[in-house]
Structures are given as C-alpha cells and as structure tokens.
PDB file of N, CA and C in Angstrom:
ATOM      1  N   MET A   1       7.788  16.589  32.255  1.00  0.00           N
ATOM      2  CA  MET A   1       6.825  15.741  31.638  1.00  0.00           C
ATOM      3  C   MET A   1       7.532  14.683  30.845  1.00  0.00           C
ATOM      4  N   THR A   2       7.171  13.410  31.000  1.00  0.00           N
ATOM      5  CA  THR A   2       7.891  12.320  30.272  1.00  0.00           C
ATOM      6  C   THR A   2       7.257  12.044  28.910  1.00  0.00           C
ATOM      7  N   ASP A   3       8.091  11.639  28.013  1.00  0.00           N
ATOM      8  CA  ASP A   3       7.643  11.315  26.656  1.00  0.00           C
ATOM      9  C   ASP A   3       7.163   9.887  26.623  1.00  0.00           C
ATOM     10  N   ASN A   4       5.887   9.667  26.346  1.00  0.00           N
ATOM     11  CA  ASN A   4       5.369   8.290  26.339  1.00  0.00           C
ATOM     12  C   ASN A   4       5.378   7.641  25.026  1.00  0.00           C
ATOM     13  N   LYS A   5       6.141   8.141  24.029  1.00  0.00           N
ATOM     14  CA  LYS A   5       6.180   7.563  22.746  1.00  0.00           C
ATOM     15  C   LYS A   5       6.984   6.288  22.810  1.00  0.00           C
ATOM     16  N   GLU A   6       6.429   5.242  22.155  1.00  0.00           N
ATOM     17  CA  GLU A   6       7.154   3.970  22.191  1.00  0.00           C
ATOM     18  C   GLU A   6       8.205   3.957  21.049  1.00  0.00           C
ATOM     19  N   ALA A   7       9.257   3.279  21.295  1.00  0.00           N
ATOM     20  CA  ALA A   7      10.291   3.152  20.261  1.00  0.00           C
ATOM     21  C   ALA A   7       9.777   2.209  19.206  1.00  0.00           C
ATOM     22  N   PRO A   8      10.167   2.423  17.945  1.00  0.00           N
ATOM     23  CA  PRO A   8       9.623   1.510  16.891  1.00  0.00           C
ATOM     24  C   PRO A   8       9.945   0.066  17.238  1.00  0.00           C
ATOM     25  N   ARG A   9       8.978  -0.828  17.020  1.00  0.00           N
ATOM     26  CA  ARG A   9       9.242  -2.158  17.376  1.00  0.00           C
ATOM     27  C   ARG A   9       9.925  -2.879  16.257  1.00  0.00           C
ATOM     28  N   GLU A  10      10.726  -3.838  16.596  1.00  0.00           N
ATOM     29  CA  GLU A  10      11.469  -4.630  15.534  1.00  0.00           C
ATOM     30  C   GLU A  10      10.461  -5.615  15.024  1.00  0.00           C
ATOM     31  N   GLN A  11      10.503  -5.863  13.690  1.00  0.00           N
ATOM     32  CA  GLN A  11       9.614  -6.796  13.025  1.00  0.00           C
ATOM     33  C   GLN A  11      10.019  -8.230  13.370  1.00  0.00           C
ATOM     34  N   THR A  12       9.003  -9.024  13.490  1.00  0.00           N
ATOM     35  CA  THR A  12       9.175 -10.463  13.719  1.00  0.00           C
ATOM     36  C   THR A  12       9.773 -11.050  12.396  1.00  0.00           C
ATOM     37  N   ARG A  13      10.237 -12.263  12.465  1.00  0.00           N
ATOM     38  CA  ARG A  13      10.669 -12.987  11.248  1.00  0.00           C
ATOM     39  C   ARG A  13       9.491 -13.240  10.287  1.00  0.00           C
ATOM     40  N   SER A  14       8.406 -13.544  10.872  1.00  0.00           N
ATOM     41  CA  SER A  14       7.163 -13.795   9.971  1.00  0.00           C
ATOM     42  C   SER A  14       6.727 -12.491   9.320  1.00  0.00           C
ATOM     43  N   GLN A  15       6.843 -11.398   9.969  1.00  0.00           N
ATOM     44  CA  GLN A  15       6.438 -10.101   9.395  1.00  0.00           C
ATOM     45  C   GLN A  15       7.400  -9.768   8.317  1.00  0.00           C
ATOM     46  N   GLN A  16       8.802 -10.015   8.498  1.00  0.00           N
ATOM     47  CA  GLN A  16       9.736  -9.780   7.511  1.00  0.00           C
ATOM     48  C   GLN A  16       9.524 -10.661   6.209  1.00  0.00           C
ATOM     49  N   GLU A  17       9.167 -11.932   6.446  1.00  0.00           N
ATOM     50  CA  GLU A  17       8.853 -12.817   5.353  1.00  0.00           C
ATOM     51  C   GLU A  17       7.643 -12.375   4.524  1.00  0.00           C
ATOM     52  N   PHE A  18       6.604 -11.908   5.291  1.00  0.00           N
ATOM     53  CA  PHE A  18       5.429 -11.444   4.681  1.00  0.00           C
ATOM     54  C   PHE A  18       5.688 -10.291   3.798  1.00  0.00           C
ATOM     55  N   LEU A  19       6.538  -9.320   4.281  1.00  0.00           N
ATOM     56  CA  LEU A  19       6.792  -8.141   3.548  1.00  0.00           C
ATOM     57  C   LEU A  19       7.623  -8.429   2.240  1.00  0.00           C
ATOM     58  N   LYS A  20       8.393  -9.574   2.307  1.00  0.00           N
ATOM     59  CA  LYS A  20       9.219  -9.938   1.139  1.00  0.00           C
ATOM     60  C   LYS A  20       8.363 -10.614   0.113  1.00  0.00           C
ATOM     61  N   ALA A  21       7.158 -11.115   0.416  1.00  0.00           N
ATOM     62  CA  ALA A  21       6.296 -11.884  -0.462  1.00  0.00           C
ATOM     63  C   ALA A  21       5.718 -10.909  -1.597  1.00  0.00           C
ATOM     64  N   ALA A  22       5.412 -11.473  -2.671  1.00  0.00           N
ATOM     65  CA  ALA A  22       4.763 -10.704  -3.767  1.00  0.00           C
ATOM     66  C   ALA A  22       3.440 -10.163  -3.325  1.00  0.00           C
ATOM     67  N   GLU A  23       3.066  -9.082  -3.849  1.00  0.00           N
ATOM     68  CA  GLU A  23       1.801  -8.382  -3.491  1.00  0.00           C
ATOM     69  C   GLU A  23       0.568  -9.271  -3.608  1.00  0.00           C
ATOM     70  N   PRO A  24       0.393 -10.101  -4.749  1.00  0.00           N
ATOM     71  CA  PRO A  24      -0.746 -10.993  -4.755  1.00  0.00           C
ATOM     72  C   PRO A  24      -0.731 -11.991  -3.544  1.00  0.00           C
ATOM     73  N   LEU A  25       0.359 -12.396  -3.131  1.00  0.00           N
ATOM     74  CA  LEU A  25       0.379 -13.343  -2.042  1.00  0.00           C
ATOM     75  C   LEU A  25       0.025 -12.614  -0.720  1.00  0.00           C
ATOM     76  N   GLN A  26       0.520 -11.412  -0.531  1.00  0.00           N
ATOM     77  CA  GLN A  26       0.157 -10.591   0.617  1.00  0.00           C
ATOM     78  C   GLN A  26      -1.319 -10.390   0.686  1.00  0.00           C
ATOM     79  N   GLN A  27      -1.968 -10.084  -0.513  1.00  0.00           N
ATOM     80  CA  GLN A  27      -3.403  -9.900  -0.582  1.00  0.00           C
ATOM     81  C   GLN A  27      -4.200 -11.144  -0.168  1.00  0.00           C
ATOM     82  N   LEU A  28      -3.672 -12.274  -0.665  1.00  0.00           N
ATOM     83  CA  LEU A  28      -4.307 -13.544  -0.316  1.00  0.00           C
ATOM     84  C   LEU A  28      -4.247 -13.795   1.271  1.00  0.00           C
ATOM     85  N   VAL A  29      -3.096 -13.597   1.811  1.00  0.00           N
ATOM     86  CA  VAL A  29      -2.933 -13.832   3.265  1.00  0.00           C
ATOM     87  C   VAL A  29      -3.867 -12.815   4.032  1.00  0.00           C
ATOM     88  N   ARG A  30      -3.913 -11.570   3.571  1.00  0.00           N
ATOM     89  CA  ARG A  30      -4.764 -10.598   4.281  1.00  0.00           C
ATOM     90  C   ARG A  30      -6.265 -11.017   4.206  1.00  0.00           C
ATOM     91  N   ALA A  31      -6.672 -11.502   3.014  1.00  0.00           N
ATOM     92  CA  ALA A  31      -8.032 -11.921   2.809  1.00  0.00           C
ATOM     93  C   ALA A  31      -8.400 -13.082   3.684  1.00  0.00           C
ATOM     94  N   VAL A  32      -7.515 -14.091   3.787  1.00  0.00           N
ATOM     95  CA  VAL A  32      -7.699 -15.287   4.548  1.00  0.00           C
ATOM     96  C   VAL A  32      -7.774 -14.882   6.092  1.00  0.00           C
ATOM     97  N   LEU A  33      -6.876 -14.022   6.474  1.00  0.00           N
ATOM     98  CA  LEU A  33      -6.955 -13.590   7.887  1.00  0.00           C
ATOM     99  C   LEU A  33      -8.143 -12.824   8.222  1.00  0.00           C
ATOM    100  N   ARG A  34      -8.599 -11.978   7.275  1.00  0.00           N
ATOM    101  CA  ARG A  34      -9.884 -11.235   7.472  1.00  0.00           C
ATOM    102  C   ARG A  34     -11.029 -12.226   7.613  1.00  0.00           C
ATOM    103  N   GLU A  35     -11.111 -13.171   6.749  1.00  0.00           N
ATOM    104  CA  GLU A  35     -12.203 -14.218   6.956  1.00  0.00           C
ATOM    105  C   GLU A  35     -12.131 -14.871   8.337  1.00  0.00           C
ATOM    106  N   GLU A  36     -10.923 -15.253   8.682  1.00  0.00           N
ATOM    107  CA  GLU A  36     -10.785 -15.935  10.001  1.00  0.00           C
ATOM    108  C   GLU A  36     -11.173 -15.017  11.160  1.00  0.00           C
ATOM    109  N   ARG A  37     -10.796 -13.749  11.110  1.00  0.00           N
ATOM    110  CA  ARG A  37     -11.177 -12.816  12.187  1.00  0.00           C
ATOM    111  C   ARG A  37     -12.741 -12.658  12.265  1.00  0.00           C
ATOM    112  N   ASP A  38     -13.353 -12.711  11.106  1.00  0.00           N
ATOM    113  CA  ASP A  38     -14.828 -12.584  11.092  1.00  0.00           C
ATOM    114  C   ASP A  38     -15.507 -13.667  11.878  1.00  0.00           C
ATOM    115  N   VAL A  39     -14.903 -14.895  11.918  1.00  0.00           N
ATOM    116  CA  VAL A  39     -15.524 -16.029  12.623  1.00  0.00           C
ATOM    117  C   VAL A  39     -14.754 -16.472  13.885  1.00  0.00           C
ATOM    118  N   MET A  40     -13.786 -15.738  14.187  1.00  0.00           N
ATOM    119  CA  MET A  40     -12.863 -16.131  15.294  1.00  0.00           C
ATOM    120  C   MET A  40     -13.600 -16.439  16.581  1.00  0.00           C
ATOM    121  N   HIS A  41     -14.620 -15.742  16.956  1.00  0.00           N
ATOM    122  CA  HIS A  41     -15.325 -15.989  18.209  1.00  0.00           C
ATOM    123  C   HIS A  41     -16.568 -16.841  18.092  1.00  0.00           C
ATOM    124  N   LEU A  42     -16.827 -17.310  16.899  1.00  0.00           N
ATOM    125  CA  LEU A  42     -17.995 -18.174  16.719  1.00  0.00           C
ATOM    126  C   LEU A  42     -17.619 -19.613  17.023  1.00  0.00           C
ATOM    127  N   ARG A  43     -18.564 -20.388  17.485  1.00  0.00           N
ATOM    128  CA  ARG A  43     -18.279 -21.728  17.695  1.00  0.00           C
ATOM    129  C   ARG A  43     -18.167 -22.603  16.437  1.00  0.00           C
ATOM    130  N   ARG A  44     -18.993 -22.328  15.468  1.00  0.00           N
ATOM    131  CA  ARG A  44     -19.011 -23.051  14.220  1.00  0.00           C
ATOM    132  C   ARG A  44     -18.338 -22.271  13.090  1.00  0.00           C
ATOM    133  N   ARG A  45     -17.456 -22.922  12.461  1.00  0.00           N
ATOM    134  CA  ARG A  45     -16.709 -22.286  11.396  1.00  0.00           C
ATOM    135  C   ARG A  45     -16.860 -23.062  10.052  1.00  0.00           C
ATOM    136  N   SER A  46     -18.010 -23.584   9.905  1.00  0.00           N
ATOM    137  CA  SER A  46     -18.275 -24.530   8.762  1.00  0.00           C
ATOM    138  C   SER A  46     -17.921 -23.829   7.401  1.00  0.00           C
ATOM    139  N   GLU A  47     -18.165 -22.576   7.214  1.00  0.00           N
ATOM    140  CA  GLU A  47     -17.998 -21.989   5.965  1.00  0.00           C
ATOM    141  C   GLU A  47     -16.533 -21.416   5.783  1.00  0.00           C
ATOM    142  N   ILE A  48     -15.770 -21.394   6.812  1.00  0.00           N
ATOM    143  CA  ILE A  48     -14.457 -20.770   6.699  1.00  0.00           C
ATOM    144  C   ILE A  48     -13.549 -21.408   5.655  1.00  0.00           C
ATOM    145  N   TYR A  49     -13.669 -22.732   5.520  1.00  0.00           N
ATOM    146  CA  TYR A  49     -12.769 -23.423   4.627  1.00  0.00           C
ATOM    147  C   TYR A  49     -13.190 -23.122   3.184  1.00  0.00           C
ATOM    148  N   GLN A  50     -14.483 -23.049   2.889  1.00  0.00           N
ATOM    149  CA  GLN A  50     -14.936 -22.669   1.596  1.00  0.00           C
ATOM    150  C   GLN A  50     -14.595 -21.296   1.207  1.00  0.00           C
ATOM    151  N   LYS A  51     -14.656 -20.271   2.187  1.00  0.00           N
ATOM    152  CA  LYS A  51     -14.296 -18.950   1.965  1.00  0.00           C
ATOM    153  C   LYS A  51     -12.824 -18.804   1.637  1.00  0.00           C
ATOM    154  N   ILE A  52     -11.995 -19.504   2.401  1.00  0.00           N
ATOM    155  CA  ILE A  52     -10.572 -19.529   2.179  1.00  0.00           C
ATOM    156  C   ILE A  52     -10.198 -20.080   0.740  1.00  0.00           C
ATOM    157  N   LEU A  53     -10.863 -21.202   0.430  1.00  0.00           N
ATOM    158  CA  LEU A  53     -10.623 -21.803  -0.849  1.00  0.00           C
ATOM    159  C   LEU A  53     -11.034 -20.848  -1.978  1.00  0.00           C
ATOM    160  N   ASP A  54     -12.111 -20.153  -1.786  1.00  0.00           N
ATOM    161  CA  ASP A  54     -12.596 -19.224  -2.818  1.00  0.00           C
ATOM    162  C   ASP A  54     -11.541 -18.119  -2.970  1.00  0.00           C
ATOM    163  N   HIS A  55     -10.938 -17.595  -1.875  1.00  0.00           N
ATOM    164  CA  HIS A  55      -9.869 -16.584  -2.077  1.00  0.00           C
ATOM    165  C   HIS A  55      -8.674 -17.113  -2.854  1.00  0.00           C
ATOM    166  N   VAL A  56      -8.266 -18.312  -2.478  1.00  0.00           N
ATOM    167  CA  VAL A  56      -7.139 -18.929  -3.155  1.00  0.00           C
ATOM    168  C   VAL A  56      -7.425 -19.190  -4.624  1.00  0.00           C
ATOM    169  N   ARG A  57      -8.571 -19.595  -5.015  1.00  0.00           N
ATOM    170  CA  ARG A  57      -9.016 -19.804  -6.448  1.00  0.00           C
ATOM    171  C   ARG A  57      -9.004 -18.431  -7.166  1.00  0.00           C
ATOM    172  N   GLN A  58      -9.439 -17.366  -6.481  1.00  0.00           N
ATOM    173  CA  GLN A  58      -9.491 -16.126  -7.197  1.00  0.00           C
ATOM    174  C   GLN A  58      -8.052 -15.561  -7.525  1.00  0.00           C
ATOM    175  N   ARG A  59      -7.098 -15.916  -6.701  1.00  0.00           N
ATOM    176  CA  ARG A  59      -5.767 -15.362  -6.910  1.00  0.00           C
ATOM    177  C   ARG A  59      -4.728 -16.291  -7.528  1.00  0.00           C
ATOM    178  N   ILE A  60      -5.067 -17.563  -7.528  1.00  0.00           N
ATOM    179  CA  ILE A  60      -4.131 -18.520  -8.183  1.00  0.00           C
ATOM    180  C   ILE A  60      -4.905 -19.121  -9.332  1.00  0.00           C
ATOM    181  N   PRO A  61      -4.394 -18.836 -10.596  1.00  0.00           N
ATOM    182  CA  PRO A  61      -5.099 -19.455 -11.791  1.00  0.00           C
ATOM    183  C   PRO A  61      -4.822 -20.936 -11.930  1.00  0.00           C
TER     184      PRO A  61
END
C-alpha cells in the first residue's frame, strides 16, 4: 500500500513576507481578503471598496 501523504510544500515568497508582517497587518490583510472572497463571484462589487476602507480605518489610527 502506498503512502499518499504529500510532502510539506515550500512557502512562496509572498507567504514568507506575510508571515514576517506584524500581527495587526496580517489581520488587516485577512479581513480584506475575506471581504473580497465574499463578493468574488458577484458581478457588482460596489461596496467592496468601502468595506476595505473601513477595515483599514479600524486598524490604522
């Protein structure tokens, strides 16, 4: 029986940079990406910019 476990994947350069970032910045990026995923398949994204701006304003004084 063969072992189907995948070898651990090497992180991309962007993943490495993300992990180096401060936690508040990581949270901001995650929040923005979550908003984008929520509207990814919709044709109209009129509110996405406001939602992203709101996240930035919450985390950057």
